[in-house]
Structures are given as structure tokens and as C-alpha cells.
């Protein structure tokens, strides 16, 4: 898949755990895990916005396109 999810990298940079992030953005640990592993097929803009707000980053810091 050409879209790479760097959520785990941003979480490590911000020193935030999965449980803390899932609590802050209001999604389950299971759904956060799906996002982190890149196995999700879609992400809602509201969820992406909440992640960016919680991690103080831009969407491009989390999502990357590679050929």
C-alpha cells in the first residue's frame, strides 16, 4: 500500500502511550491499533483532526505517500 502511517513514530516523539492517546481522542484501543499498523482502509477527518490536536502535529507528519 503506497500510504504509510507514521502514527507510532509521532507517538514516540511525543512520548504518549496508545492508551493515553485513545483516551484523548475518544477511540478504542483496537481502532487505534488498526490505524497504527496501517491496516485501516479509511480514517475520518474528525479522527485525524483529533490525533493532530493531541500530538500537536500536521496530517503530513502521520500520513506519507510512497510509490
PDB file of N, CA and C in Angstrom:
ATOM      1  N   UNK A   1       0.844  -1.176   0.000  1.00  0.00           N
ATOM      2  CA  UNK A   1       0.000   0.000   0.000  1.00  0.00           C
ATOM      3  C   UNK A   1       0.894   1.246   0.000  1.00  0.00           C
ATOM      4  N   UNK A   2       0.646   2.163  -0.900  1.00  0.00           N
ATOM      5  CA  UNK A   2       1.528   3.327  -1.011  1.00  0.00           C
ATOM      6  C   UNK A   2       1.348   4.384   0.081  1.00  0.00           C
ATOM      7  N   UNK A   3       0.315   4.285   0.898  1.00  0.00           N
ATOM      8  CA  UNK A   3       0.141   5.224   2.001  1.00  0.00           C
ATOM      9  C   UNK A   3       0.736   4.597   3.262  1.00  0.00           C
ATOM     10  N   UNK A   4       1.727   5.274   3.832  1.00  0.00           N
ATOM     11  CA  UNK A   4       2.412   4.793   5.031  1.00  0.00           C
ATOM     12  C   UNK A   4       1.889   5.594   6.227  1.00  0.00           C
ATOM     13  N   UNK A   5       1.541   4.904   7.291  1.00  0.00           N
ATOM     14  CA  UNK A   5       1.049   5.550   8.511  1.00  0.00           C
ATOM     15  C   UNK A   5       2.187   5.595   9.526  1.00  0.00           C
ATOM     16  N   UNK A   6       2.584   6.801   9.886  1.00  0.00           N
ATOM     17  CA  UNK A   6       3.681   7.005  10.836  1.00  0.00           C
ATOM     18  C   UNK A   6       3.175   7.420  12.215  1.00  0.00           C
ATOM     19  N   UNK A   7       2.005   6.940  12.579  1.00  0.00           N
ATOM     20  CA  UNK A   7       1.411   7.313  13.861  1.00  0.00           C
ATOM     21  C   UNK A   7       2.279   6.867  15.030  1.00  0.00           C
ATOM     22  N   UNK A   8       2.816   5.661  14.965  1.00  0.00           N
ATOM     23  CA  UNK A   8       3.661   5.164  16.054  1.00  0.00           C
ATOM     24  C   UNK A   8       4.926   6.007  16.219  1.00  0.00           C
ATOM     25  N   UNK A   9       5.458   6.521  15.107  1.00  0.00           N
ATOM     26  CA  UNK A   9       6.648   7.377  15.162  1.00  0.00           C
ATOM     27  C   UNK A   9       6.320   8.685  15.884  1.00  0.00           C
ATOM     28  N   UNK A  10       5.181   9.296  15.527  1.00  0.00           N
ATOM     29  CA  UNK A  10       4.783  10.559  16.164  1.00  0.00           C
ATOM     30  C   UNK A  10       4.473  10.342  17.644  1.00  0.00           C
ATOM     31  N   UNK A  11       3.877   9.207  17.963  1.00  0.00           N
ATOM     32  CA  UNK A  11       3.575   8.909  19.365  1.00  0.00           C
ATOM     33  C   UNK A  11       4.867   8.778  20.163  1.00  0.00           C
ATOM     34  N   UNK A  12       5.872   8.153  19.582  1.00  0.00           N
ATOM     35  CA  UNK A  12       7.166   8.002  20.260  1.00  0.00           C
ATOM     36  C   UNK A  12       7.834   9.362  20.440  1.00  0.00           C
ATOM     37  N   UNK A  13       7.763  10.209  19.422  1.00  0.00           N
ATOM     38  CA  UNK A  13       8.355  11.547  19.513  1.00  0.00           C
ATOM     39  C   UNK A  13       7.691  12.376  20.607  1.00  0.00           C
ATOM     40  N   UNK A  14       6.386  12.209  20.755  1.00  0.00           N
ATOM     41  CA  UNK A  14       5.624  12.973  21.756  1.00  0.00           C
ATOM     42  C   UNK A  14       5.559  12.262  23.114  1.00  0.00           C
ATOM     43  N   UNK A  15       6.136  11.063  23.161  1.00  0.00           N
ATOM     44  CA  UNK A  15       6.171  10.260  24.388  1.00  0.00           C
ATOM     45  C   UNK A  15       4.766  10.069  24.980  1.00  0.00           C
ATOM     46  N   UNK A  16       3.870   9.559  24.150  1.00  0.00           N
ATOM     47  CA  UNK A  16       2.496   9.303  24.566  1.00  0.00           C
ATOM     48  C   UNK A  16       2.171   7.833  24.283  1.00  0.00           C
ATOM     49  N   UNK A  17       1.511   7.195  25.214  1.00  0.00           N
ATOM     50  CA  UNK A  17       1.172   5.777  25.058  1.00  0.00           C
ATOM     51  C   UNK A  17      -0.118   5.622  24.249  1.00  0.00           C
ATOM     52  N   UNK A  18      -0.331   4.414  23.759  1.00  0.00           N
ATOM     53  CA  UNK A  18      -1.551   4.122  23.000  1.00  0.00           C
ATOM     54  C   UNK A  18      -2.793   4.348  23.849  1.00  0.00           C
ATOM     55  N   UNK A  19      -2.750   3.912  25.088  1.00  0.00           N
ATOM     56  CA  UNK A  19      -3.928   4.066  25.946  1.00  0.00           C
ATOM     57  C   UNK A  19      -4.220   5.542  26.224  1.00  0.00           C
ATOM     58  N   UNK A  20      -3.170   6.325  26.421  1.00  0.00           N
ATOM     59  CA  UNK A  20      -3.357   7.759  26.672  1.00  0.00           C
ATOM     60  C   UNK A  20      -3.926   8.454  25.433  1.00  0.00           C
ATOM     61  N   UNK A  21      -3.402   8.126  24.252  1.00  0.00           N
ATOM     62  CA  UNK A  21      -3.888   8.740  23.021  1.00  0.00           C
ATOM     63  C   UNK A  21      -5.325   8.331  22.734  1.00  0.00           C
ATOM     64  N   UNK A  22      -5.634   7.054  22.900  1.00  0.00           N
ATOM     65  CA  UNK A  22      -7.003   6.597  22.621  1.00  0.00           C
ATOM     66  C   UNK A  22      -8.001   7.290  23.541  1.00  0.00           C
ATOM     67  N   UNK A  23      -7.599   7.523  24.769  1.00  0.00           N
ATOM     68  CA  UNK A  23      -8.456   8.232  25.722  1.00  0.00           C
ATOM     69  C   UNK A  23      -8.644   9.688  25.301  1.00  0.00           C
ATOM     70  N   UNK A  24      -7.563  10.343  24.884  1.00  0.00           N
ATOM     71  CA  UNK A  24      -7.615  11.755  24.492  1.00  0.00           C
ATOM     72  C   UNK A  24      -8.475  11.982  23.253  1.00  0.00           C
ATOM     73  N   UNK A  25      -8.392  11.062  22.278  1.00  0.00           N
ATOM     74  CA  UNK A  25      -9.112  11.286  21.023  1.00  0.00           C
ATOM     75  C   UNK A  25     -10.456  10.575  20.960  1.00  0.00           C
ATOM     76  N   UNK A  26     -10.734   9.737  21.939  1.00  0.00           N
ATOM     77  CA  UNK A  26     -12.047   9.110  22.034  1.00  0.00           C
ATOM     78  C   UNK A  26     -12.291   7.951  21.082  1.00  0.00           C
ATOM     79  N   UNK A  27     -11.256   7.133  20.824  1.00  0.00           N
ATOM     80  CA  UNK A  27     -11.464   5.911  20.054  1.00  0.00           C
ATOM     81  C   UNK A  27     -10.943   4.735  20.870  1.00  0.00           C
ATOM     82  N   UNK A  28     -11.373   3.550  20.493  1.00  0.00           N
ATOM     83  CA  UNK A  28     -10.965   2.364  21.241  1.00  0.00           C
ATOM     84  C   UNK A  28      -9.508   2.018  20.945  1.00  0.00           C
ATOM     85  N   UNK A  29      -8.914   1.254  21.837  1.00  0.00           N
ATOM     86  CA  UNK A  29      -7.542   0.785  21.645  1.00  0.00           C
ATOM     87  C   UNK A  29      -7.451  -0.071  20.381  1.00  0.00           C
ATOM     88  N   UNK A  30      -8.491  -0.860  20.112  1.00  0.00           N
ATOM     89  CA  UNK A  30      -8.499  -1.724  18.929  1.00  0.00           C
ATOM     90  C   UNK A  30      -8.456  -0.882  17.651  1.00  0.00           C
ATOM     91  N   UNK A  31      -9.266   0.169  17.596  1.00  0.00           N
ATOM     92  CA  UNK A  31      -9.269   1.028  16.408  1.00  0.00           C
ATOM     93  C   UNK A  31      -7.963   1.797  16.270  1.00  0.00           C
ATOM     94  N   UNK A  32      -7.387   2.220  17.374  1.00  0.00           N
ATOM     95  CA  UNK A  32      -6.099   2.907  17.327  1.00  0.00           C
ATOM     96  C   UNK A  32      -5.021   1.955  16.813  1.00  0.00           C
ATOM     97  N   UNK A  33      -5.073   0.719  17.250  1.00  0.00           N
ATOM     98  CA  UNK A  33      -4.115  -0.290  16.796  1.00  0.00           C
ATOM     99  C   UNK A  33      -4.218  -0.508  15.287  1.00  0.00           C
ATOM    100  N   UNK A  34      -5.438  -0.529  14.768  1.00  0.00           N
ATOM    101  CA  UNK A  34      -5.658  -0.685  13.329  1.00  0.00           C
ATOM    102  C   UNK A  34      -5.038   0.484  12.577  1.00  0.00           C
ATOM    103  N   UNK A  35      -5.200   1.689  13.112  1.00  0.00           N
ATOM    104  CA  UNK A  35      -4.599   2.870  12.484  1.00  0.00           C
ATOM    105  C   UNK A  35      -3.077   2.805  12.540  1.00  0.00           C
ATOM    106  N   UNK A  36      -2.532   2.436  13.695  1.00  0.00           N
ATOM    107  CA  UNK A  36      -1.082   2.398  13.877  1.00  0.00           C
ATOM    108  C   UNK A  36      -0.403   1.401  12.948  1.00  0.00           C
ATOM    109  N   UNK A  37      -1.038   0.271  12.713  1.00  0.00           N
ATOM    110  CA  UNK A  37      -0.433  -0.770  11.894  1.00  0.00           C
ATOM    111  C   UNK A  37      -0.657  -0.541  10.399  1.00  0.00           C
ATOM    112  N   UNK A  38      -1.460   0.459  10.057  1.00  0.00           N
ATOM    113  CA  UNK A  38      -1.734   0.737   8.650  1.00  0.00           C
ATOM    114  C   UNK A  38      -2.716  -0.222   8.025  1.00  0.00           C
ATOM    115  N   UNK A  39      -3.439  -0.981   8.836  1.00  0.00           N
ATOM    116  CA  UNK A  39      -4.390  -1.958   8.311  1.00  0.00           C
ATOM    117  C   UNK A  39      -5.759  -1.356   8.032  1.00  0.00           C
ATOM    118  N   UNK A  40      -5.978  -0.121   8.475  1.00  0.00           N
ATOM    119  CA  UNK A  40      -7.254   0.543   8.229  1.00  0.00           C
ATOM    120  C   UNK A  40      -7.393   0.925   6.769  1.00  0.00           C
ATOM    121  N   UNK A  41      -8.617   0.957   6.297  1.00  0.00           N
ATOM    122  CA  UNK A  41      -8.872   1.319   4.913  1.00  0.00           C
ATOM    123  C   UNK A  41      -9.275   2.784   4.785  1.00  0.00           C
ATOM    124  N   UNK A  42      -9.613   3.425   5.896  1.00  0.00           N
ATOM    125  CA  UNK A  42     -10.052   4.817   5.867  1.00  0.00           C
ATOM    126  C   UNK A  42      -9.843   5.438   7.245  1.00  0.00           C
ATOM    127  N   UNK A  43      -9.826   6.765   7.270  1.00  0.00           N
ATOM    128  CA  UNK A  43      -9.789   7.488   8.531  1.00  0.00           C
ATOM    129  C   UNK A  43     -10.690   8.707   8.377  1.00  0.00           C
ATOM    130  N   UNK A  44     -11.506   8.953   9.355  1.00  0.00           N
ATOM    131  CA  UNK A  44     -12.381  10.123   9.328  1.00  0.00           C
ATOM    132  C   UNK A  44     -11.550  11.374   9.577  1.00  0.00           C
ATOM    133  N   UNK A  45     -11.938  12.449   8.920  1.00  0.00           N
ATOM    134  CA  UNK A  45     -11.235  13.709   9.131  1.00  0.00           C
ATOM    135  C   UNK A  45     -11.327  14.145  10.589  1.00  0.00           C
ATOM    136  N   UNK A  46     -12.437  13.859  11.236  1.00  0.00           N
ATOM    137  CA  UNK A  46     -12.583  14.244  12.648  1.00  0.00           C
ATOM    138  C   UNK A  46     -11.586  13.472  13.521  1.00  0.00           C
ATOM    139  N   UNK A  47     -11.340  12.212  13.187  1.00  0.00           N
ATOM    140  CA  UNK A  47     -10.359  11.418  13.924  1.00  0.00           C
ATOM    141  C   UNK A  47      -8.946  11.915  13.645  1.00  0.00           C
ATOM    142  N   UNK A  48      -8.654  12.206  12.389  1.00  0.00           N
ATOM    143  CA  UNK A  48      -7.344  12.743  12.019  1.00  0.00           C
ATOM    144  C   UNK A  48      -7.101  14.084  12.702  1.00  0.00           C
ATOM    145  N   UNK A  49      -8.131  14.912  12.751  1.00  0.00           N
ATOM    146  CA  UNK A  49      -8.030  16.205  13.428  1.00  0.00           C
ATOM    147  C   UNK A  49      -7.738  16.015  14.917  1.00  0.00           C
ATOM    148  N   UNK A  50      -8.431  15.083  15.557  1.00  0.00           N
ATOM    149  CA  UNK A  50      -8.225  14.822  16.982  1.00  0.00           C
ATOM    150  C   UNK A  50      -6.811  14.307  17.248  1.00  0.00           C
ATOM    151  N   UNK A  51      -6.311  13.444  16.372  1.00  0.00           N
ATOM    152  CA  UNK A  51      -4.943  12.925  16.523  1.00  0.00           C
ATOM    153  C   UNK A  51      -3.940  14.060  16.392  1.00  0.00           C
ATOM    154  N   UNK A  52      -4.113  14.891  15.375  1.00  0.00           N
ATOM    155  CA  UNK A  52      -3.192  16.013  15.161  1.00  0.00           C
ATOM    156  C   UNK A  52      -3.226  16.990  16.337  1.00  0.00           C
ATOM    157  N   UNK A  53      -4.399  17.217  16.877  1.00  0.00           N
ATOM    158  CA  UNK A  53      -4.528  18.113  18.036  1.00  0.00           C
ATOM    159  C   UNK A  53      -3.828  17.514  19.250  1.00  0.00           C
ATOM    160  N   UNK A  54      -4.050  16.233  19.502  1.00  0.00           N
ATOM    161  CA  UNK A  54      -3.461  15.568  20.664  1.00  0.00           C
ATOM    162  C   UNK A  54      -1.942  15.467  20.564  1.00  0.00           C
ATOM    163  N   UNK A  55      -1.431  15.268  19.338  1.00  0.00           N
ATOM    164  CA  UNK A  55       0.007  15.098  19.148  1.00  0.00           C
ATOM    165  C   UNK A  55       0.705  16.391  18.712  1.00  0.00           C
ATOM    166  N   UNK A  56      -0.087  17.459  18.534  1.00  0.00           N
ATOM    167  CA  UNK A  56       0.449  18.751  18.090  1.00  0.00           C
ATOM    168  C   UNK A  56       1.299  18.578  16.833  1.00  0.00           C
ATOM    169  N   UNK A  57       0.652  18.035  15.794  1.00  0.00           N
ATOM    170  CA  UNK A  57       1.352  17.787  14.537  1.00  0.00           C
ATOM    171  C   UNK A  57       0.421  18.066  13.361  1.00  0.00           C
ATOM    172  N   UNK A  58       0.936  17.890  12.166  1.00  0.00           N
ATOM    173  CA  UNK A  58       0.183  18.058  10.930  1.00  0.00           C
ATOM    174  C   UNK A  58      -0.170  16.684  10.353  1.00  0.00           C
ATOM    175  N   UNK A  59      -1.236  16.597   9.529  1.00  0.00           N
ATOM    176  CA  UNK A  59      -1.578  15.309   8.914  1.00  0.00           C
ATOM    177  C   UNK A  59      -0.416  14.688   8.149  1.00  0.00           C
ATOM    178  N   UNK A  60       0.410  15.509   7.523  1.00  0.00           N
ATOM    179  CA  UNK A  60       1.568  15.013   6.780  1.00  0.00           C
ATOM    180  C   UNK A  60       2.633  14.392   7.656  1.00  0.00           C
ATOM    181  N   UNK A  61       2.595  14.685   8.964  1.00  0.00           N
ATOM    182  CA  UNK A  61       3.523  14.052   9.895  1.00  0.00           C
ATOM    183  C   UNK A  61       3.120  12.610  10.173  1.00  0.00           C
ATOM    184  N   UNK A  62       1.852  12.316   9.949  1.00  0.00           N
ATOM    185  CA  UNK A  62       1.297  10.988  10.251  1.00  0.00           C
ATOM    186  C   UNK A  62       1.153  10.135   8.992  1.00  0.00           C
ATOM    187  N   UNK A  63       0.728  10.763   7.901  1.00  0.00           N
ATOM    188  CA  UNK A  63       0.491  10.031   6.657  1.00  0.00           C
ATOM    189  C   UNK A  63       1.543  10.401   5.619  1.00  0.00           C
ATOM    190  N   UNK A  64       2.024   9.389   4.902  1.00  0.00           N
ATOM    191  CA  UNK A  64       3.071   9.587   3.901  1.00  0.00           C
ATOM    192  C   UNK A  64       2.747   8.746   2.674  1.00  0.00           C
ATOM    193  N   UNK A  65       2.999   9.298   1.504  1.00  0.00           N
ATOM    194  CA  UNK A  65       2.787   8.567   0.257  1.00  0.00           C
ATOM    195  C   UNK A  65       4.128   8.108  -0.296  1.00  0.00           C
ATOM    196  N   UNK A  66       4.220   6.828  -0.628  1.00  0.00           N
ATOM    197  CA  UNK A  66       5.424   6.274  -1.269  1.00  0.00           C
ATOM    198  C   UNK A  66       5.006   5.445  -2.465  1.00  0.00           C
ATOM    199  N   UNK A  67       5.734   5.603  -3.555  1.00  0.00           N
ATOM    200  CA  UNK A  67       5.433   4.821  -4.761  1.00  0.00           C
ATOM    201  C   UNK A  67       5.870   3.385  -4.594  1.00  0.00           C
TER     202      UNK A  67
END
